[in-house]
Amino acid sequence: MAYSSTGLQPIGGQAKAGNAPQVWSYTSTDAKTAIDASGYFNDASDVLKVGDLIYIHASTGGTATFSLHPVVSNASGVVDIGDGTAISATDSD
């Protein structure tokens, strides 16, 4: 699959962000490895900026993954996000 603009949503008070990094949420059925590939977010290059943070909820084949990814570059319409930090979804109680 490919990037879907309906999956990317701002979190919090984006209207007052100015030059400060913004936080985004992205949900997709694409694999995390596909989502964090360079160029995946090119269609959002007009709203994403270096330093922004994207919380990604991916679910492929019924297996959910959760991770945080910084936008590491956005030049000439090409967006690249970092590999991200996985968020554990285990519940041991």
PDB file of N, CA and C in Angstrom:
ATOM      1  N   MET A   1       0.847  -1.174   0.000  1.00  0.00           N
ATOM      2  CA  MET A   1       0.000   0.000   0.000  1.00  0.00           C
ATOM      3  C   MET A   1       0.891   1.236   0.000  1.00  0.00           C
ATOM      4  N   ALA A   2       0.268   2.366   0.097  1.00  0.00           N
ATOM      5  CA  ALA A   2       1.013   3.622   0.053  1.00  0.00           C
ATOM      6  C   ALA A   2       0.448   4.584   1.087  1.00  0.00           C
ATOM      7  N   TYR A   3       1.150   5.678   1.280  1.00  0.00           N
ATOM      8  CA  TYR A   3       0.718   6.724   2.196  1.00  0.00           C
ATOM      9  C   TYR A   3      -0.721   7.134   1.904  1.00  0.00           C
ATOM     10  N   SER A   4      -1.486   7.337   2.970  1.00  0.00           N
ATOM     11  CA  SER A   4      -2.857   7.817   2.861  1.00  0.00           C
ATOM     12  C   SER A   4      -3.012   9.049   3.740  1.00  0.00           C
ATOM     13  N   SER A   5      -3.416  10.154   3.145  1.00  0.00           N
ATOM     14  CA  SER A   5      -3.533  11.403   3.898  1.00  0.00           C
ATOM     15  C   SER A   5      -4.557  11.311   5.025  1.00  0.00           C
ATOM     16  N   THR A   6      -5.537  10.412   4.918  1.00  0.00           N
ATOM     17  CA  THR A   6      -6.532  10.281   5.989  1.00  0.00           C
ATOM     18  C   THR A   6      -5.937   9.638   7.232  1.00  0.00           C
ATOM     19  N   GLY A   7      -4.777   8.973   7.106  1.00  0.00           N
ATOM     20  CA  GLY A   7      -4.137   8.339   8.252  1.00  0.00           C
ATOM     21  C   GLY A   7      -3.300   9.285   9.078  1.00  0.00           C
ATOM     22  N   LEU A   8      -2.927  10.452   8.519  1.00  0.00           N
ATOM     23  CA  LEU A   8      -2.063  11.404   9.217  1.00  0.00           C
ATOM     24  C   LEU A   8      -2.917  12.503   9.847  1.00  0.00           C
ATOM     25  N   GLN A   9      -2.818  12.614  11.173  1.00  0.00           N
ATOM     26  CA  GLN A   9      -3.604  13.613  11.889  1.00  0.00           C
ATOM     27  C   GLN A   9      -2.720  14.349  12.890  1.00  0.00           C
ATOM     28  N   PRO A  10      -2.932  15.649  13.069  1.00  0.00           N
ATOM     29  CA  PRO A  10      -2.165  16.390  14.078  1.00  0.00           C
ATOM     30  C   PRO A  10      -2.625  16.020  15.484  1.00  0.00           C
ATOM     31  N   ILE A  11      -1.698  16.118  16.426  1.00  0.00           N
ATOM     32  CA  ILE A  11      -2.017  15.903  17.836  1.00  0.00           C
ATOM     33  C   ILE A  11      -1.782  17.216  18.556  1.00  0.00           C
ATOM     34  N   GLY A  12      -2.734  17.636  19.352  1.00  0.00           N
ATOM     35  CA  GLY A  12      -2.548  18.827  20.176  1.00  0.00           C
ATOM     36  C   GLY A  12      -2.802  20.132  19.452  1.00  0.00           C
ATOM     37  N   GLY A  13      -2.238  21.214  19.979  1.00  0.00           N
ATOM     38  CA  GLY A  13      -2.490  22.574  19.500  1.00  0.00           C
ATOM     39  C   GLY A  13      -1.622  22.960  18.322  1.00  0.00           C
ATOM     40  N   GLN A  14      -1.816  22.350  17.188  1.00  0.00           N
ATOM     41  CA  GLN A  14      -0.987  22.589  16.007  1.00  0.00           C
ATOM     42  C   GLN A  14      -1.077  24.026  15.503  1.00  0.00           C
ATOM     43  N   ALA A  15      -2.185  24.691  15.712  1.00  0.00           N
ATOM     44  CA  ALA A  15      -2.354  26.039  15.176  1.00  0.00           C
ATOM     45  C   ALA A  15      -1.345  27.024  15.770  1.00  0.00           C
ATOM     46  N   LYS A  16      -0.845  26.745  16.969  1.00  0.00           N
ATOM     47  CA  LYS A  16       0.082  27.648  17.634  1.00  0.00           C
ATOM     48  C   LYS A  16       1.523  27.152  17.564  1.00  0.00           C
ATOM     49  N   ALA A  17       1.799  26.141  16.761  1.00  0.00           N
ATOM     50  CA  ALA A  17       3.122  25.509  16.749  1.00  0.00           C
ATOM     51  C   ALA A  17       4.211  26.438  16.238  1.00  0.00           C
ATOM     52  N   GLY A  18       3.901  27.281  15.267  1.00  0.00           N
ATOM     53  CA  GLY A  18       4.929  28.161  14.715  1.00  0.00           C
ATOM     54  C   GLY A  18       6.084  27.347  14.173  1.00  0.00           C
ATOM     55  N   ASN A  19       7.287  27.649  14.644  1.00  0.00           N
ATOM     56  CA  ASN A  19       8.460  26.895  14.207  1.00  0.00           C
ATOM     57  C   ASN A  19       8.784  25.727  15.125  1.00  0.00           C
ATOM     58  N   ALA A  20       8.020  25.553  16.186  1.00  0.00           N
ATOM     59  CA  ALA A  20       8.262  24.445  17.116  1.00  0.00           C
ATOM     60  C   ALA A  20       7.889  23.119  16.454  1.00  0.00           C
ATOM     61  N   PRO A  21       8.564  22.042  16.839  1.00  0.00           N
ATOM     62  CA  PRO A  21       8.205  20.730  16.287  1.00  0.00           C
ATOM     63  C   PRO A  21       6.756  20.391  16.612  1.00  0.00           C
ATOM     64  N   GLN A  22       6.132  19.692  15.697  1.00  0.00           N
ATOM     65  CA  GLN A  22       4.750  19.273  15.883  1.00  0.00           C
ATOM     66  C   GLN A  22       4.707  17.763  16.088  1.00  0.00           C
ATOM     67  N   VAL A  23       3.601  17.294  16.668  1.00  0.00           N
ATOM     68  CA  VAL A  23       3.408  15.868  16.898  1.00  0.00           C
ATOM     69  C   VAL A  23       2.234  15.411  16.042  1.00  0.00           C
ATOM     70  N   TRP A  24       2.442  14.270  15.350  1.00  0.00           N
ATOM     71  CA  TRP A  24       1.445  13.726  14.440  1.00  0.00           C
ATOM     72  C   TRP A  24       1.139  12.285  14.818  1.00  0.00           C
ATOM     73  N   SER A  25      -0.027  11.824  14.413  1.00  0.00           N
ATOM     74  CA  SER A  25      -0.413  10.427  14.557  1.00  0.00           C
ATOM     75  C   SER A  25      -0.664   9.881  13.153  1.00  0.00           C
ATOM     76  N   TYR A  26      -0.167   8.675  12.892  1.00  0.00           N
ATOM     77  CA  TYR A  26      -0.393   8.057  11.588  1.00  0.00           C
ATOM     78  C   TYR A  26      -0.805   6.605  11.791  1.00  0.00           C
ATOM     79  N   THR A  27      -1.893   6.207  11.159  1.00  0.00           N
ATOM     80  CA  THR A  27      -2.406   4.844  11.233  1.00  0.00           C
ATOM     81  C   THR A  27      -2.429   4.256   9.839  1.00  0.00           C
ATOM     82  N   SER A  28      -1.954   2.997   9.725  1.00  0.00           N
ATOM     83  CA  SER A  28      -1.888   2.360   8.415  1.00  0.00           C
ATOM     84  C   SER A  28      -1.880   0.840   8.554  1.00  0.00           C
ATOM     85  N   THR A  29      -2.269   0.161   7.488  1.00  0.00           N
ATOM     86  CA  THR A  29      -2.131  -1.288   7.432  1.00  0.00           C
ATOM     87  C   THR A  29      -0.815  -1.677   6.769  1.00  0.00           C
ATOM     88  N   ASP A  30      -0.002  -0.693   6.410  1.00  0.00           N
ATOM     89  CA  ASP A  30       1.325  -0.964   5.851  1.00  0.00           C
ATOM     90  C   ASP A  30       2.261  -1.430   6.962  1.00  0.00           C
ATOM     91  N   ALA A  31       3.264  -2.195   6.587  1.00  0.00           N
ATOM     92  CA  ALA A  31       4.274  -2.637   7.544  1.00  0.00           C
ATOM     93  C   ALA A  31       5.110  -1.436   7.993  1.00  0.00           C
ATOM     94  N   LYS A  32       5.589  -1.478   9.237  1.00  0.00           N
ATOM     95  CA  LYS A  32       6.419  -0.402   9.773  1.00  0.00           C
ATOM     96  C   LYS A  32       7.639  -0.168   8.884  1.00  0.00           C
ATOM     97  N   THR A  33       8.219  -1.226   8.346  1.00  0.00           N
ATOM     98  CA  THR A  33       9.399  -1.085   7.487  1.00  0.00           C
ATOM     99  C   THR A  33       9.089  -0.320   6.212  1.00  0.00           C
ATOM    100  N   ALA A  34       7.873  -0.446   5.713  1.00  0.00           N
ATOM    101  CA  ALA A  34       7.470   0.317   4.519  1.00  0.00           C
ATOM    102  C   ALA A  34       7.236   1.779   4.879  1.00  0.00           C
ATOM    103  N   ILE A  35       6.611   2.005   6.030  1.00  0.00           N
ATOM    104  CA  ILE A  35       6.273   3.364   6.447  1.00  0.00           C
ATOM    105  C   ILE A  35       7.518   4.189   6.737  1.00  0.00           C
ATOM    106  N   ASP A  36       8.547   3.569   7.338  1.00  0.00           N
ATOM    107  CA  ASP A  36       9.723   4.378   7.667  1.00  0.00           C
ATOM    108  C   ASP A  36      10.744   4.451   6.537  1.00  0.00           C
ATOM    109  N   ALA A  37      10.365   3.991   5.351  1.00  0.00           N
ATOM    110  CA  ALA A  37      11.248   4.117   4.181  1.00  0.00           C
ATOM    111  C   ALA A  37      11.241   5.561   3.676  1.00  0.00           C
ATOM    112  N   SER A  38      12.386   6.017   3.201  1.00  0.00           N
ATOM    113  CA  SER A  38      12.489   7.364   2.645  1.00  0.00           C
ATOM    114  C   SER A  38      11.495   7.530   1.506  1.00  0.00           C
ATOM    115  N   GLY A  39      10.766   8.627   1.532  1.00  0.00           N
ATOM    116  CA  GLY A  39       9.819   8.928   0.466  1.00  0.00           C
ATOM    117  C   GLY A  39       8.385   8.545   0.763  1.00  0.00           C
ATOM    118  N   TYR A  40       8.146   7.749   1.803  1.00  0.00           N
ATOM    119  CA  TYR A  40       6.784   7.306   2.104  1.00  0.00           C
ATOM    120  C   TYR A  40       5.857   8.494   2.357  1.00  0.00           C
ATOM    121  N   PHE A  41       6.354   9.511   3.067  1.00  0.00           N
ATOM    122  CA  PHE A  41       5.529  10.664   3.425  1.00  0.00           C
ATOM    123  C   PHE A  41       5.695  11.848   2.468  1.00  0.00           C
ATOM    124  N   ASN A  42       6.164  11.618   1.255  1.00  0.00           N
ATOM    125  CA  ASN A  42       6.377  12.722   0.307  1.00  0.00           C
ATOM    126  C   ASN A  42       5.117  13.552   0.074  1.00  0.00           C
ATOM    127  N   ASP A  43       3.967  12.912   0.036  1.00  0.00           N
ATOM    128  CA  ASP A  43       2.728  13.658  -0.208  1.00  0.00           C
ATOM    129  C   ASP A  43       2.359  14.577   0.962  1.00  0.00           C
ATOM    130  N   ALA A  44       3.046  14.423   2.091  1.00  0.00           N
ATOM    131  CA  ALA A  44       2.809  15.288   3.250  1.00  0.00           C
ATOM    132  C   ALA A  44       3.973  16.255   3.460  1.00  0.00           C
ATOM    133  N   SER A  45       4.818  16.408   2.449  1.00  0.00           N
ATOM    134  CA  SER A  45       6.002  17.257   2.599  1.00  0.00           C
ATOM    135  C   SER A  45       5.650  18.715   2.878  1.00  0.00           C
ATOM    136  N   ASP A  46       4.437  19.131   2.532  1.00  0.00           N
ATOM    137  CA  ASP A  46       4.037  20.515   2.777  1.00  0.00           C
ATOM    138  C   ASP A  46       3.657  20.775   4.236  1.00  0.00           C
ATOM    139  N   VAL A  47       3.410  19.724   5.034  1.00  0.00           N
ATOM    140  CA  VAL A  47       3.031  19.924   6.440  1.00  0.00           C
ATOM    141  C   VAL A  47       4.059  19.373   7.426  1.00  0.00           C
ATOM    142  N   LEU A  48       4.867  18.410   7.005  1.00  0.00           N
ATOM    143  CA  LEU A  48       5.871  17.834   7.902  1.00  0.00           C
ATOM    144  C   LEU A  48       7.163  18.628   7.812  1.00  0.00           C
ATOM    145  N   LYS A  49       7.801  18.830   8.971  1.00  0.00           N
ATOM    146  CA  LYS A  49       9.086  19.527   8.955  1.00  0.00           C
ATOM    147  C   LYS A  49      10.086  18.769   9.821  1.00  0.00           C
ATOM    148  N   VAL A  50      11.349  19.010   9.561  1.00  0.00           N
ATOM    149  CA  VAL A  50      12.414  18.354  10.310  1.00  0.00           C
ATOM    150  C   VAL A  50      12.211  18.626  11.795  1.00  0.00           C
ATOM    151  N   GLY A  51      12.282  17.575  12.590  1.00  0.00           N
ATOM    152  CA  GLY A  51      12.076  17.690  14.029  1.00  0.00           C
ATOM    153  C   GLY A  51      10.692  17.289  14.484  1.00  0.00           C
ATOM    154  N   ASP A  52       9.724  17.258  13.566  1.00  0.00           N
ATOM    155  CA  ASP A  52       8.392  16.788  13.932  1.00  0.00           C
ATOM    156  C   ASP A  52       8.484  15.330  14.374  1.00  0.00           C
ATOM    157  N   LEU A  53       7.528  14.895  15.162  1.00  0.00           N
ATOM    158  CA  LEU A  53       7.491  13.529  15.671  1.00  0.00           C
ATOM    159  C   LEU A  53       6.194  12.875  15.216  1.00  0.00           C
ATOM    160  N   ILE A  54       6.306  11.665  14.676  1.00  0.00           N
ATOM    161  CA  ILE A  54       5.124  10.938  14.194  1.00  0.00           C
ATOM    162  C   ILE A  54       4.951   9.672  15.026  1.00  0.00           C
ATOM    163  N   TYR A  55       3.790   9.555  15.685  1.00  0.00           N
ATOM    164  CA  TYR A  55       3.403   8.329  16.387  1.00  0.00           C
ATOM    165  C   TYR A  55       2.737   7.449  15.338  1.00  0.00           C
ATOM    166  N   ILE A  56       3.282   6.255  15.116  1.00  0.00           N
ATOM    167  CA  ILE A  56       2.754   5.380  14.069  1.00  0.00           C
ATOM    168  C   ILE A  56       2.134   4.130  14.682  1.00  0.00           C
ATOM    169  N   HIS A  57       0.894   3.877  14.277  1.00  0.00           N
ATOM    170  CA  HIS A  57       0.193   2.637  14.616  1.00  0.00           C
ATOM    171  C   HIS A  57       0.010   1.883  13.310  1.00  0.00           C
ATOM    172  N   ALA A  58       0.784   0.815  13.151  1.00  0.00           N
ATOM    173  CA  ALA A  58       0.689   0.004  11.939  1.00  0.00           C
ATOM    174  C   ALA A  58       0.101  -1.348  12.308  1.00  0.00           C
ATOM    175  N   SER A  59      -0.692  -1.903  11.427  1.00  0.00           N
ATOM    176  CA  SER A  59      -1.279  -3.212  11.675  1.00  0.00           C
ATOM    177  C   SER A  59      -1.256  -3.999  10.376  1.00  0.00           C
ATOM    178  N   THR A  60      -0.391  -4.986  10.331  1.00  0.00           N
ATOM    179  CA  THR A  60      -0.239  -5.807   9.136  1.00  0.00           C
ATOM    180  C   THR A  60      -0.584  -7.245   9.485  1.00  0.00           C
ATOM    181  N   GLY A  61      -1.565  -7.806   8.796  1.00  0.00           N
ATOM    182  CA  GLY A  61      -1.948  -9.191   9.056  1.00  0.00           C
ATOM    183  C   GLY A  61      -2.428  -9.419  10.473  1.00  0.00           C
ATOM    184  N   GLY A  62      -3.025  -8.421  11.085  1.00  0.00           N
ATOM    185  CA  GLY A  62      -3.541  -8.552  12.439  1.00  0.00           C
ATOM    186  C   GLY A  62      -2.517  -8.302  13.534  1.00  0.00           C
ATOM    187  N   THR A  63      -1.279  -8.050  13.160  1.00  0.00           N
ATOM    188  CA  THR A  63      -0.228  -7.766  14.146  1.00  0.00           C
ATOM    189  C   THR A  63       0.001  -6.263  14.211  1.00  0.00           C
ATOM    190  N   ALA A  64      -0.300  -5.700  15.365  1.00  0.00           N
ATOM    191  CA  ALA A  64      -0.155  -4.248  15.546  1.00  0.00           C
ATOM    192  C   ALA A  64       1.249  -3.903  16.023  1.00  0.00           C
ATOM    193  N   THR A  65       1.776  -2.792  15.514  1.00  0.00           N
ATOM    194  CA  THR A  65       3.039  -2.244  16.010  1.00  0.00           C
ATOM    195  C   THR A  65       2.812  -0.770  16.324  1.00  0.00           C
ATOM    196  N   PHE A  66       3.569  -0.280  17.298  1.00  0.00           N
ATOM    197  CA  PHE A  66       3.467   1.107  17.734  1.00  0.00           C
ATOM    198  C   PHE A  66       4.878   1.660  17.830  1.00  0.00           C
ATOM    199  N   SER A  67       5.110   2.861  17.298  1.00  0.00           N
ATOM    200  CA  SER A  67       6.452   3.430  17.331  1.00  0.00           C
ATOM    201  C   SER A  67       6.417   4.938  17.162  1.00  0.00           C
ATOM    202  N   LEU A  68       7.527   5.581  17.578  1.00  0.00           N
ATOM    203  CA  LEU A  68       7.702   7.024  17.439  1.00  0.00           C
ATOM    204  C   LEU A  68       8.848   7.288  16.476  1.00  0.00           C
ATOM    205  N   HIS A  69       8.619   8.173  15.482  1.00  0.00           N
ATOM    206  CA  HIS A  69       9.602   8.442  14.437  1.00  0.00           C
ATOM    207  C   HIS A  69       9.790   9.947  14.257  1.00  0.00           C
ATOM    208  N   PRO A  70      11.025  10.437  14.354  1.00  0.00           N
ATOM    209  CA  PRO A  70      11.268  11.843  14.039  1.00  0.00           C
ATOM    210  C   PRO A  70      11.394  12.045  12.538  1.00  0.00           C
ATOM    211  N   VAL A  71      10.973  13.201  12.056  1.00  0.00           N
ATOM    212  CA  VAL A  71      11.230  13.572  10.667  1.00  0.00           C
ATOM    213  C   VAL A  71      12.678  14.049  10.629  1.00  0.00           C
ATOM    214  N   VAL A  72      13.533  13.332   9.885  1.00  0.00           N
ATOM    215  CA  VAL A  72      14.959  13.673   9.870  1.00  0.00           C
ATOM    216  C   VAL A  72      15.349  14.532   8.672  1.00  0.00           C
ATOM    217  N   SER A  73      14.559  14.489   7.598  1.00  0.00           N
ATOM    218  CA  SER A  73      14.821  15.391   6.474  1.00  0.00           C
ATOM    219  C   SER A  73      13.554  15.599   5.658  1.00  0.00           C
ATOM    220  N   ASN A  74      13.498  16.773   5.043  1.00  0.00           N
ATOM    221  CA  ASN A  74      12.398  17.122   4.142  1.00  0.00           C
ATOM    222  C   ASN A  74      12.964  18.164   3.184  1.00  0.00           C
ATOM    223  N   ALA A  75      13.399  17.694   2.029  1.00  0.00           N
ATOM    224  CA  ALA A  75      14.017  18.585   1.047  1.00  0.00           C
ATOM    225  C   ALA A  75      13.503  18.256  -0.344  1.00  0.00           C
ATOM    226  N   SER A  76      13.114  19.292  -1.067  1.00  0.00           N
ATOM    227  CA  SER A  76      12.621  19.144  -2.442  1.00  0.00           C
ATOM    228  C   SER A  76      11.482  18.135  -2.530  1.00  0.00           C
ATOM    229  N   GLY A  77      10.639  18.108  -1.490  1.00  0.00           N
ATOM    230  CA  GLY A  77       9.472  17.236  -1.506  1.00  0.00           C
ATOM    231  C   GLY A  77       9.741  15.804  -1.098  1.00  0.00           C
ATOM    232  N   VAL A  78      10.967  15.487  -0.690  1.00  0.00           N
ATOM    233  CA  VAL A  78      11.307  14.125  -0.263  1.00  0.00           C
ATOM    234  C   VAL A  78      11.438  14.116   1.260  1.00  0.00           C
ATOM    235  N   VAL A  79      10.562  13.344   1.903  1.00  0.00           N
ATOM    236  CA  VAL A  79      10.523  13.260   3.357  1.00  0.00           C
ATOM    237  C   VAL A  79      11.144  11.937   3.798  1.00  0.00           C
ATOM    238  N   ASP A  80      12.006  12.005   4.822  1.00  0.00           N
ATOM    239  CA  ASP A  80      12.582  10.804   5.406  1.00  0.00           C
ATOM    240  C   ASP A  80      12.393  10.870   6.911  1.00  0.00           C
ATOM    241  N   ILE A  81      11.897   9.774   7.480  1.00  0.00           N
ATOM    242  CA  ILE A  81      11.736   9.703   8.927  1.00  0.00           C
ATOM    243  C   ILE A  81      12.749   8.702   9.476  1.00  0.00           C
ATOM    244  N   GLY A  82      13.086   8.857  10.752  1.00  0.00           N
ATOM    245  CA  GLY A  82      14.015   7.943  11.397  1.00  0.00           C
ATOM    246  C   GLY A  82      13.406   6.564  11.574  1.00  0.00           C
ATOM    247  N   ASP A  83      14.272   5.594  11.891  1.00  0.00           N
ATOM    248  CA  ASP A  83      13.818   4.212  12.070  1.00  0.00           C
ATOM    249  C   ASP A  83      12.792   4.082  13.186  1.00  0.00           C
ATOM    250  N   GLY A  84      12.835   4.971  14.122  1.00  0.00           N
ATOM    251  CA  GLY A  84      11.819   5.005  15.166  1.00  0.00           C
ATOM    252  C   GLY A  84      12.179   4.213  16.402  1.00  0.00           C
ATOM    253  N   THR A  85      11.419   4.451  17.431  1.00  0.00           N
ATOM    254  CA  THR A  85      11.539   3.748  18.700  1.00  0.00           C
ATOM    255  C   THR A  85      10.257   2.970  18.924  1.00  0.00           C
ATOM    256  N   ALA A  86      10.391   1.661  19.061  1.00  0.00           N
ATOM    257  CA  ALA A  86       9.219   0.807  19.262  1.00  0.00           C
ATOM    258  C   ALA A  86       8.606   1.059  20.629  1.00  0.00           C
ATOM    259  N   ILE A  87       7.301   0.996  20.690  1.00  0.00           N
ATOM    260  CA  ILE A  87       6.571   1.111  21.944  1.00  0.00           C
ATOM    261  C   ILE A  87       5.958  -0.260  22.206  1.00  0.00           C
ATOM    262  N   SER A  88       6.285  -0.815  23.347  1.00  0.00           N
ATOM    263  CA  SER A  88       5.804  -2.157  23.698  1.00  0.00           C
ATOM    264  C   SER A  88       4.294  -2.138  23.903  1.00  0.00           C
ATOM    265  N   ALA A  89       3.633  -3.160  23.385  1.00  0.00           N
ATOM    266  CA  ALA A  89       2.187  -3.266  23.551  1.00  0.00           C
ATOM    267  C   ALA A  89       1.843  -4.490  24.389  1.00  0.00           C
ATOM    268  N   THR A  90       2.775  -4.930  25.232  1.00  0.00           N
ATOM    269  CA  THR A  90       2.511  -6.096  26.084  1.00  0.00           C
ATOM    270  C   THR A  90       1.775  -5.675  27.345  1.00  0.00           C
ATOM    271  N   ASP A  91       1.060  -6.614  27.900  1.00  0.00           N
ATOM    272  CA  ASP A  91       0.302  -6.371  29.138  1.00  0.00           C
ATOM    273  C   ASP A  91       0.453  -7.601  30.013  1.00  0.00           C
ATOM    274  N   SER A  92       1.302  -7.500  31.016  1.00  0.00           N
ATOM    275  CA  SER A  92       1.628  -8.669  31.819  1.00  0.00           C
ATOM    276  C   SER A  92       0.819  -8.804  33.108  1.00  0.00           C
ATOM    277  N   ASP A  93      -0.224  -8.028  33.292  1.00  0.00           N
ATOM    278  CA  ASP A  93      -0.966  -8.161  34.541  1.00  0.00           C
ATOM    279  C   ASP A  93      -2.046  -9.203  34.479  1.00  0.00           C
TER     280      ASP A  93
END
